[in-house]
Protein backbone atom coordinates (compact mmCIF):
# COMPACT_ATOMS: atom_id res chain seq x y z
CA UNK A 1 0.00 0.00 0.00
CA UNK A 2 1.22 3.50 -0.77
CA UNK A 3 2.28 5.89 1.98
CA UNK A 4 -0.38 8.41 1.01
CA UNK A 5 -2.10 10.56 3.58
CA UNK A 6 -5.86 10.13 3.74
CA UNK A 7 -7.84 12.60 1.70
CA UNK A 8 -9.14 15.25 4.07
CA UNK A 9 -12.91 15.71 4.33
CA UNK A 10 -12.41 19.43 3.81
CA UNK A 11 -12.13 18.94 0.05
CA UNK A 12 -8.73 20.63 0.03
CA UNK A 13 -6.59 19.44 -2.85
CA UNK A 14 -3.18 18.68 -1.40
CA UNK A 15 -1.34 16.43 -3.86
CA UNK A 16 1.04 17.26 -6.68
CA UNK A 17 1.73 14.73 -9.43
CA UNK A 18 5.29 15.02 -10.65
CA UNK A 19 5.79 13.61 -14.13
CA UNK A 20 8.68 12.71 -16.39
CA UNK A 21 8.54 11.10 -19.82
CA UNK A 22 10.42 10.40 -23.00
CA UNK A 23 9.52 12.47 -26.05
CA UNK A 24 6.50 11.02 -27.78
CA UNK A 25 5.24 9.02 -24.82
CA UNK A 26 1.70 7.86 -25.57
CA UNK A 27 -0.74 9.98 -23.54
CA UNK A 28 -2.65 6.87 -22.38
CA UNK A 29 0.54 5.41 -20.90
CA UNK A 30 1.18 8.48 -18.75
CA UNK A 31 -2.48 8.87 -17.72
CA UNK A 32 -2.65 5.18 -16.72
CA UNK A 33 0.59 5.46 -14.74
CA UNK A 34 -0.60 8.59 -12.93
CA UNK A 35 -3.97 7.06 -12.06
CA UNK A 36 -2.25 3.91 -10.77
CA UNK A 37 -0.48 5.79 -7.96
CA UNK A 38 -3.34 8.00 -6.75
CA UNK A 39 -5.93 6.67 -4.31
CA UNK A 40 -8.00 9.87 -4.22
CA UNK A 41 -8.13 11.42 -7.68
CA UNK A 42 -9.93 14.49 -6.33
CA UNK A 43 -6.96 15.31 -4.07
CA UNK A 44 -4.68 16.22 -6.99
CA UNK A 45 -4.11 19.97 -7.25
CA UNK A 46 -1.34 20.22 -9.86
CA UNK A 47 0.65 18.28 -12.40
CA UNK A 48 4.30 19.35 -12.49
CA UNK A 49 7.24 18.56 -14.78
CA UNK A 50 10.44 19.78 -16.40
CA UNK A 51 9.94 22.79 -18.69
CA UNK A 52 11.36 21.03 -21.76
CA UNK A 53 8.44 18.58 -21.56
CA UNK A 54 5.79 21.31 -21.45
CA UNK A 55 4.68 20.69 -25.04
CA UNK A 56 4.35 16.91 -24.66
CA UNK A 57 0.76 15.82 -25.35
CA UNK A 58 1.05 13.19 -22.60
CA UNK A 59 1.64 15.89 -19.96
CA UNK A 60 -1.43 17.81 -21.05
CA UNK A 61 -3.48 14.62 -21.17
CA UNK A 62 -2.73 13.96 -17.49
CA UNK A 63 -3.53 17.54 -16.50
CA UNK A 64 -6.83 17.34 -18.41
CA UNK A 65 -7.64 13.95 -16.86
CA UNK A 66 -7.35 15.42 -13.36
CA UNK A 67 -8.74 18.84 -14.43
CA UNK A 68 -5.76 20.65 -12.91
CA UNK A 69 -3.07 23.04 -14.15
CA UNK A 70 0.25 21.86 -15.56
CA UNK A 71 3.20 23.63 -13.92
CA UNK A 72 6.75 23.44 -15.28
CA UNK A 73 10.14 24.09 -13.76
CA UNK A 74 13.61 24.64 -15.15
CA UNK A 75 16.27 21.96 -14.71
CA UNK A 76 18.13 24.30 -12.35
CA UNK A 77 15.05 24.66 -10.13
CA UNK A 78 14.51 20.88 -10.07
CA UNK A 79 18.19 20.31 -9.29
CA UNK A 80 17.70 22.43 -6.14
CA UNK A 81 15.33 19.68 -4.89
CA UNK A 82 18.06 16.97 -5.08
CA UNK A 83 18.60 16.75 -1.28
CA UNK A 84 14.90 15.85 -0.87
CA UNK A 85 14.77 13.18 -3.60
CA UNK A 86 14.27 9.54 -2.66
CA UNK A 87 15.80 8.33 -5.95
CA UNK A 88 18.36 10.79 -7.38
CA UNK A 89 19.85 9.57 -10.66
CA UNK A 90 23.10 10.42 -12.39
CA UNK A 91 21.59 9.06 -15.62
CA UNK A 92 18.70 11.52 -15.37
CA UNK A 93 21.19 14.31 -14.65
CA UNK A 94 23.10 13.44 -17.84
CA UNK A 95 19.92 13.69 -19.94
CA UNK A 96 17.93 16.40 -18.16
CA UNK A 97 20.40 18.51 -16.17
CA UNK A 98 18.83 17.57 -12.83
CA UNK A 99 19.00 14.45 -10.66
CA UNK A 100 15.28 13.79 -10.85
CA UNK A 101 12.24 15.01 -12.74
CA UNK A 102 9.08 13.41 -11.34
CA UNK A 103 10.05 13.56 -7.65
CA UNK A 104 11.71 16.97 -7.97
CA UNK A 105 8.80 18.55 -9.85
CA UNK A 106 6.28 17.24 -7.32
CA UNK A 107 8.36 18.55 -4.41
CA UNK A 108 9.06 21.91 -6.07
CA UNK A 109 5.35 22.61 -6.49
CA UNK A 110 4.44 21.18 -3.05
CA UNK A 111 6.71 23.73 -1.39
CA UNK A 112 9.37 23.64 1.31
CA UNK A 113 7.21 21.70 3.75
CA UNK A 114 5.99 19.20 1.17
CA UNK A 115 6.93 15.53 1.31
CA UNK A 116 6.96 12.63 -1.10
CA UNK A 117 4.09 10.23 -0.49
CA UNK A 118 4.75 8.11 -3.60
CA UNK A 119 8.35 7.74 -4.77
CA UNK A 120 9.23 7.60 -8.44
CA UNK A 121 7.23 4.89 -10.18
CA UNK A 122 8.09 3.87 -13.74
CA UNK A 123 6.35 2.64 -16.84
CA UNK A 124 8.06 1.86 -20.15
CA UNK A 125 8.43 5.52 -21.20
CA UNK A 126 7.50 7.60 -18.14
CA UNK A 127 7.82 8.24 -14.42
CA UNK A 128 5.44 9.63 -11.85
CA UNK A 129 5.82 10.66 -8.21
CA UNK A 130 3.42 12.27 -5.74
CA UNK A 131 4.12 14.92 -3.15
CA UNK A 132 1.76 16.19 -0.48
CA UNK A 133 1.69 19.87 0.31
CA UNK A 134 0.86 21.26 3.71
CA UNK A 135 0.19 24.76 2.40
CA UNK A 136 -2.94 25.84 0.54
CA UNK A 137 -2.12 24.84 -3.03
CA UNK A 138 -5.03 26.82 -4.44
CA UNK A 139 -3.09 29.91 -3.37
CA UNK A 140 0.24 28.70 -4.73
CA UNK A 141 1.05 30.43 -7.96
CA UNK A 142 4.22 29.67 -9.82
CA UNK A 143 3.73 32.74 -11.99
CA UNK A 144 5.77 34.83 -9.56
CA UNK A 145 8.63 32.32 -9.74
CA UNK A 146 10.78 33.03 -12.76
CA UNK A 147 12.03 29.43 -12.73
CA UNK A 148 8.60 27.96 -13.40
CA UNK A 149 5.61 28.44 -15.63
CA UNK A 150 1.95 27.52 -15.56
CA UNK A 151 -0.37 26.16 -18.22
CA UNK A 152 -4.07 25.65 -17.65
CA UNK A 153 -5.07 22.26 -19.06
CA UNK A 154 -8.48 22.23 -17.49
CA UNK A 155 -11.41 21.77 -19.86
CA UNK A 156 -13.39 24.84 -20.77
CA UNK A 157 -16.67 25.24 -18.90
CA UNK A 158 -19.66 26.95 -20.48
C-alpha atoms as a PDB file:
ATOM      1  CA  UNK A   1       0.000   0.000   0.000  1.00  0.00           C
ATOM      2  CA  UNK A   2       1.218   3.501  -0.771  1.00  0.00           C
ATOM      3  CA  UNK A   3       2.279   5.885   1.976  1.00  0.00           C
ATOM      4  CA  UNK A   4      -0.383   8.411   1.010  1.00  0.00           C
ATOM      5  CA  UNK A   5      -2.102  10.564   3.584  1.00  0.00           C
ATOM      6  CA  UNK A   6      -5.861  10.133   3.741  1.00  0.00           C
ATOM      7  CA  UNK A   7      -7.835  12.603   1.702  1.00  0.00           C
ATOM      8  CA  UNK A   8      -9.142  15.254   4.075  1.00  0.00           C
ATOM      9  CA  UNK A   9     -12.905  15.705   4.334  1.00  0.00           C
ATOM     10  CA  UNK A  10     -12.409  19.428   3.811  1.00  0.00           C
ATOM     11  CA  UNK A  11     -12.128  18.939   0.054  1.00  0.00           C
ATOM     12  CA  UNK A  12      -8.726  20.631   0.030  1.00  0.00           C
ATOM     13  CA  UNK A  13      -6.587  19.441  -2.847  1.00  0.00           C
ATOM     14  CA  UNK A  14      -3.180  18.676  -1.395  1.00  0.00           C
ATOM     15  CA  UNK A  15      -1.343  16.426  -3.860  1.00  0.00           C
ATOM     16  CA  UNK A  16       1.038  17.260  -6.682  1.00  0.00           C
ATOM     17  CA  UNK A  17       1.726  14.734  -9.434  1.00  0.00           C
ATOM     18  CA  UNK A  18       5.290  15.021 -10.650  1.00  0.00           C
ATOM     19  CA  UNK A  19       5.791  13.609 -14.134  1.00  0.00           C
ATOM     20  CA  UNK A  20       8.676  12.710 -16.388  1.00  0.00           C
ATOM     21  CA  UNK A  21       8.538  11.103 -19.822  1.00  0.00           C
ATOM     22  CA  UNK A  22      10.415  10.396 -22.996  1.00  0.00           C
ATOM     23  CA  UNK A  23       9.523  12.473 -26.046  1.00  0.00           C
ATOM     24  CA  UNK A  24       6.504  11.023 -27.785  1.00  0.00           C
ATOM     25  CA  UNK A  25       5.239   9.017 -24.820  1.00  0.00           C
ATOM     26  CA  UNK A  26       1.695   7.862 -25.572  1.00  0.00           C
ATOM     27  CA  UNK A  27      -0.742   9.977 -23.536  1.00  0.00           C
ATOM     28  CA  UNK A  28      -2.653   6.874 -22.384  1.00  0.00           C
ATOM     29  CA  UNK A  29       0.539   5.413 -20.897  1.00  0.00           C
ATOM     30  CA  UNK A  30       1.183   8.482 -18.754  1.00  0.00           C
ATOM     31  CA  UNK A  31      -2.476   8.865 -17.719  1.00  0.00           C
ATOM     32  CA  UNK A  32      -2.651   5.184 -16.722  1.00  0.00           C
ATOM     33  CA  UNK A  33       0.594   5.459 -14.743  1.00  0.00           C
ATOM     34  CA  UNK A  34      -0.599   8.592 -12.930  1.00  0.00           C
ATOM     35  CA  UNK A  35      -3.971   7.057 -12.062  1.00  0.00           C
ATOM     36  CA  UNK A  36      -2.251   3.913 -10.772  1.00  0.00           C
ATOM     37  CA  UNK A  37      -0.482   5.788  -7.960  1.00  0.00           C
ATOM     38  CA  UNK A  38      -3.336   8.000  -6.746  1.00  0.00           C
ATOM     39  CA  UNK A  39      -5.928   6.671  -4.308  1.00  0.00           C
ATOM     40  CA  UNK A  40      -7.997   9.867  -4.220  1.00  0.00           C
ATOM     41  CA  UNK A  41      -8.133  11.422  -7.684  1.00  0.00           C
ATOM     42  CA  UNK A  42      -9.932  14.485  -6.326  1.00  0.00           C
ATOM     43  CA  UNK A  43      -6.964  15.308  -4.072  1.00  0.00           C
ATOM     44  CA  UNK A  44      -4.683  16.223  -6.992  1.00  0.00           C
ATOM     45  CA  UNK A  45      -4.113  19.973  -7.247  1.00  0.00           C
ATOM     46  CA  UNK A  46      -1.344  20.220  -9.864  1.00  0.00           C
ATOM     47  CA  UNK A  47       0.651  18.275 -12.403  1.00  0.00           C
ATOM     48  CA  UNK A  48       4.299  19.353 -12.490  1.00  0.00           C
ATOM     49  CA  UNK A  49       7.238  18.564 -14.781  1.00  0.00           C
ATOM     50  CA  UNK A  50      10.438  19.781 -16.399  1.00  0.00           C
ATOM     51  CA  UNK A  51       9.936  22.785 -18.688  1.00  0.00           C
ATOM     52  CA  UNK A  52      11.363  21.025 -21.756  1.00  0.00           C
ATOM     53  CA  UNK A  53       8.438  18.577 -21.556  1.00  0.00           C
ATOM     54  CA  UNK A  54       5.789  21.314 -21.455  1.00  0.00           C
ATOM     55  CA  UNK A  55       4.679  20.687 -25.038  1.00  0.00           C
ATOM     56  CA  UNK A  56       4.345  16.907 -24.663  1.00  0.00           C
ATOM     57  CA  UNK A  57       0.757  15.822 -25.352  1.00  0.00           C
ATOM     58  CA  UNK A  58       1.046  13.192 -22.598  1.00  0.00           C
ATOM     59  CA  UNK A  59       1.644  15.891 -19.964  1.00  0.00           C
ATOM     60  CA  UNK A  60      -1.432  17.811 -21.050  1.00  0.00           C
ATOM     61  CA  UNK A  61      -3.476  14.621 -21.167  1.00  0.00           C
ATOM     62  CA  UNK A  62      -2.729  13.959 -17.487  1.00  0.00           C
ATOM     63  CA  UNK A  63      -3.531  17.544 -16.495  1.00  0.00           C
ATOM     64  CA  UNK A  64      -6.827  17.343 -18.408  1.00  0.00           C
ATOM     65  CA  UNK A  65      -7.640  13.953 -16.865  1.00  0.00           C
ATOM     66  CA  UNK A  66      -7.355  15.420 -13.357  1.00  0.00           C
ATOM     67  CA  UNK A  67      -8.744  18.845 -14.432  1.00  0.00           C
ATOM     68  CA  UNK A  68      -5.759  20.653 -12.911  1.00  0.00           C
ATOM     69  CA  UNK A  69      -3.068  23.036 -14.151  1.00  0.00           C
ATOM     70  CA  UNK A  70       0.253  21.862 -15.564  1.00  0.00           C
ATOM     71  CA  UNK A  71       3.197  23.628 -13.919  1.00  0.00           C
ATOM     72  CA  UNK A  72       6.748  23.437 -15.276  1.00  0.00           C
ATOM     73  CA  UNK A  73      10.145  24.093 -13.756  1.00  0.00           C
ATOM     74  CA  UNK A  74      13.614  24.639 -15.153  1.00  0.00           C
ATOM     75  CA  UNK A  75      16.271  21.955 -14.706  1.00  0.00           C
ATOM     76  CA  UNK A  76      18.132  24.297 -12.345  1.00  0.00           C
ATOM     77  CA  UNK A  77      15.051  24.657 -10.135  1.00  0.00           C
ATOM     78  CA  UNK A  78      14.510  20.885 -10.074  1.00  0.00           C
ATOM     79  CA  UNK A  79      18.191  20.310  -9.289  1.00  0.00           C
ATOM     80  CA  UNK A  80      17.697  22.434  -6.140  1.00  0.00           C
ATOM     81  CA  UNK A  81      15.332  19.679  -4.893  1.00  0.00           C
ATOM     82  CA  UNK A  82      18.059  16.973  -5.080  1.00  0.00           C
ATOM     83  CA  UNK A  83      18.600  16.753  -1.278  1.00  0.00           C
ATOM     84  CA  UNK A  84      14.902  15.853  -0.866  1.00  0.00           C
ATOM     85  CA  UNK A  85      14.769  13.182  -3.597  1.00  0.00           C
ATOM     86  CA  UNK A  86      14.272   9.542  -2.665  1.00  0.00           C
ATOM     87  CA  UNK A  87      15.799   8.333  -5.950  1.00  0.00           C
ATOM     88  CA  UNK A  88      18.356  10.786  -7.376  1.00  0.00           C
ATOM     89  CA  UNK A  89      19.849   9.570 -10.655  1.00  0.00           C
ATOM     90  CA  UNK A  90      23.104  10.424 -12.391  1.00  0.00           C
ATOM     91  CA  UNK A  91      21.593   9.055 -15.617  1.00  0.00           C
ATOM     92  CA  UNK A  92      18.697  11.517 -15.374  1.00  0.00           C
ATOM     93  CA  UNK A  93      21.188  14.308 -14.651  1.00  0.00           C
ATOM     94  CA  UNK A  94      23.096  13.444 -17.839  1.00  0.00           C
ATOM     95  CA  UNK A  95      19.920  13.688 -19.939  1.00  0.00           C
ATOM     96  CA  UNK A  96      17.931  16.404 -18.157  1.00  0.00           C
ATOM     97  CA  UNK A  97      20.397  18.511 -16.168  1.00  0.00           C
ATOM     98  CA  UNK A  98      18.826  17.567 -12.834  1.00  0.00           C
ATOM     99  CA  UNK A  99      19.002  14.455 -10.656  1.00  0.00           C
ATOM    100  CA  UNK A 100      15.278  13.787 -10.850  1.00  0.00           C
ATOM    101  CA  UNK A 101      12.237  15.012 -12.736  1.00  0.00           C
ATOM    102  CA  UNK A 102       9.075  13.414 -11.339  1.00  0.00           C
ATOM    103  CA  UNK A 103      10.053  13.558  -7.647  1.00  0.00           C
ATOM    104  CA  UNK A 104      11.713  16.973  -7.972  1.00  0.00           C
ATOM    105  CA  UNK A 105       8.803  18.555  -9.852  1.00  0.00           C
ATOM    106  CA  UNK A 106       6.283  17.241  -7.319  1.00  0.00           C
ATOM    107  CA  UNK A 107       8.356  18.545  -4.413  1.00  0.00           C
ATOM    108  CA  UNK A 108       9.062  21.906  -6.070  1.00  0.00           C
ATOM    109  CA  UNK A 109       5.348  22.606  -6.490  1.00  0.00           C
ATOM    110  CA  UNK A 110       4.440  21.184  -3.054  1.00  0.00           C
ATOM    111  CA  UNK A 111       6.712  23.732  -1.388  1.00  0.00           C
ATOM    112  CA  UNK A 112       9.369  23.644   1.310  1.00  0.00           C
ATOM    113  CA  UNK A 113       7.213  21.697   3.751  1.00  0.00           C
ATOM    114  CA  UNK A 114       5.993  19.196   1.169  1.00  0.00           C
ATOM    115  CA  UNK A 115       6.926  15.531   1.313  1.00  0.00           C
ATOM    116  CA  UNK A 116       6.956  12.629  -1.101  1.00  0.00           C
ATOM    117  CA  UNK A 117       4.089  10.227  -0.495  1.00  0.00           C
ATOM    118  CA  UNK A 118       4.750   8.108  -3.597  1.00  0.00           C
ATOM    119  CA  UNK A 119       8.346   7.744  -4.766  1.00  0.00           C
ATOM    120  CA  UNK A 120       9.233   7.604  -8.440  1.00  0.00           C
ATOM    121  CA  UNK A 121       7.226   4.889 -10.182  1.00  0.00           C
ATOM    122  CA  UNK A 122       8.086   3.867 -13.743  1.00  0.00           C
ATOM    123  CA  UNK A 123       6.346   2.635 -16.842  1.00  0.00           C
ATOM    124  CA  UNK A 124       8.058   1.861 -20.147  1.00  0.00           C
ATOM    125  CA  UNK A 125       8.429   5.524 -21.195  1.00  0.00           C
ATOM    126  CA  UNK A 126       7.497   7.597 -18.143  1.00  0.00           C
ATOM    127  CA  UNK A 127       7.824   8.240 -14.422  1.00  0.00           C
ATOM    128  CA  UNK A 128       5.440   9.626 -11.848  1.00  0.00           C
ATOM    129  CA  UNK A 129       5.819  10.662  -8.208  1.00  0.00           C
ATOM    130  CA  UNK A 130       3.422  12.265  -5.743  1.00  0.00           C
ATOM    131  CA  UNK A 131       4.117  14.920  -3.148  1.00  0.00           C
ATOM    132  CA  UNK A 132       1.763  16.187  -0.479  1.00  0.00           C
ATOM    133  CA  UNK A 133       1.693  19.872   0.313  1.00  0.00           C
ATOM    134  CA  UNK A 134       0.858  21.258   3.706  1.00  0.00           C
ATOM    135  CA  UNK A 135       0.191  24.760   2.396  1.00  0.00           C
ATOM    136  CA  UNK A 136      -2.936  25.842   0.539  1.00  0.00           C
ATOM    137  CA  UNK A 137      -2.120  24.844  -3.035  1.00  0.00           C
ATOM    138  CA  UNK A 138      -5.033  26.821  -4.437  1.00  0.00           C
ATOM    139  CA  UNK A 139      -3.094  29.908  -3.370  1.00  0.00           C
ATOM    140  CA  UNK A 140       0.237  28.702  -4.734  1.00  0.00           C
ATOM    141  CA  UNK A 141       1.048  30.429  -7.963  1.00  0.00           C
ATOM    142  CA  UNK A 142       4.218  29.674  -9.822  1.00  0.00           C
ATOM    143  CA  UNK A 143       3.725  32.743 -11.989  1.00  0.00           C
ATOM    144  CA  UNK A 144       5.772  34.831  -9.563  1.00  0.00           C
ATOM    145  CA  UNK A 145       8.630  32.315  -9.741  1.00  0.00           C
ATOM    146  CA  UNK A 146      10.777  33.027 -12.765  1.00  0.00           C
ATOM    147  CA  UNK A 147      12.028  29.429 -12.729  1.00  0.00           C
ATOM    148  CA  UNK A 148       8.596  27.958 -13.398  1.00  0.00           C
ATOM    149  CA  UNK A 149       5.611  28.437 -15.634  1.00  0.00           C
ATOM    150  CA  UNK A 150       1.951  27.524 -15.556  1.00  0.00           C
ATOM    151  CA  UNK A 151      -0.367  26.158 -18.220  1.00  0.00           C
ATOM    152  CA  UNK A 152      -4.069  25.648 -17.650  1.00  0.00           C
ATOM    153  CA  UNK A 153      -5.071  22.265 -19.063  1.00  0.00           C
ATOM    154  CA  UNK A 154      -8.482  22.232 -17.490  1.00  0.00           C
ATOM    155  CA  UNK A 155     -11.415  21.766 -19.857  1.00  0.00           C
ATOM    156  CA  UNK A 156     -13.386  24.838 -20.774  1.00  0.00           C
ATOM    157  CA  UNK A 157     -16.675  25.238 -18.904  1.00  0.00           C
ATOM    158  CA  UNK A 158     -19.659  26.952 -20.482  1.00  0.00           C
END
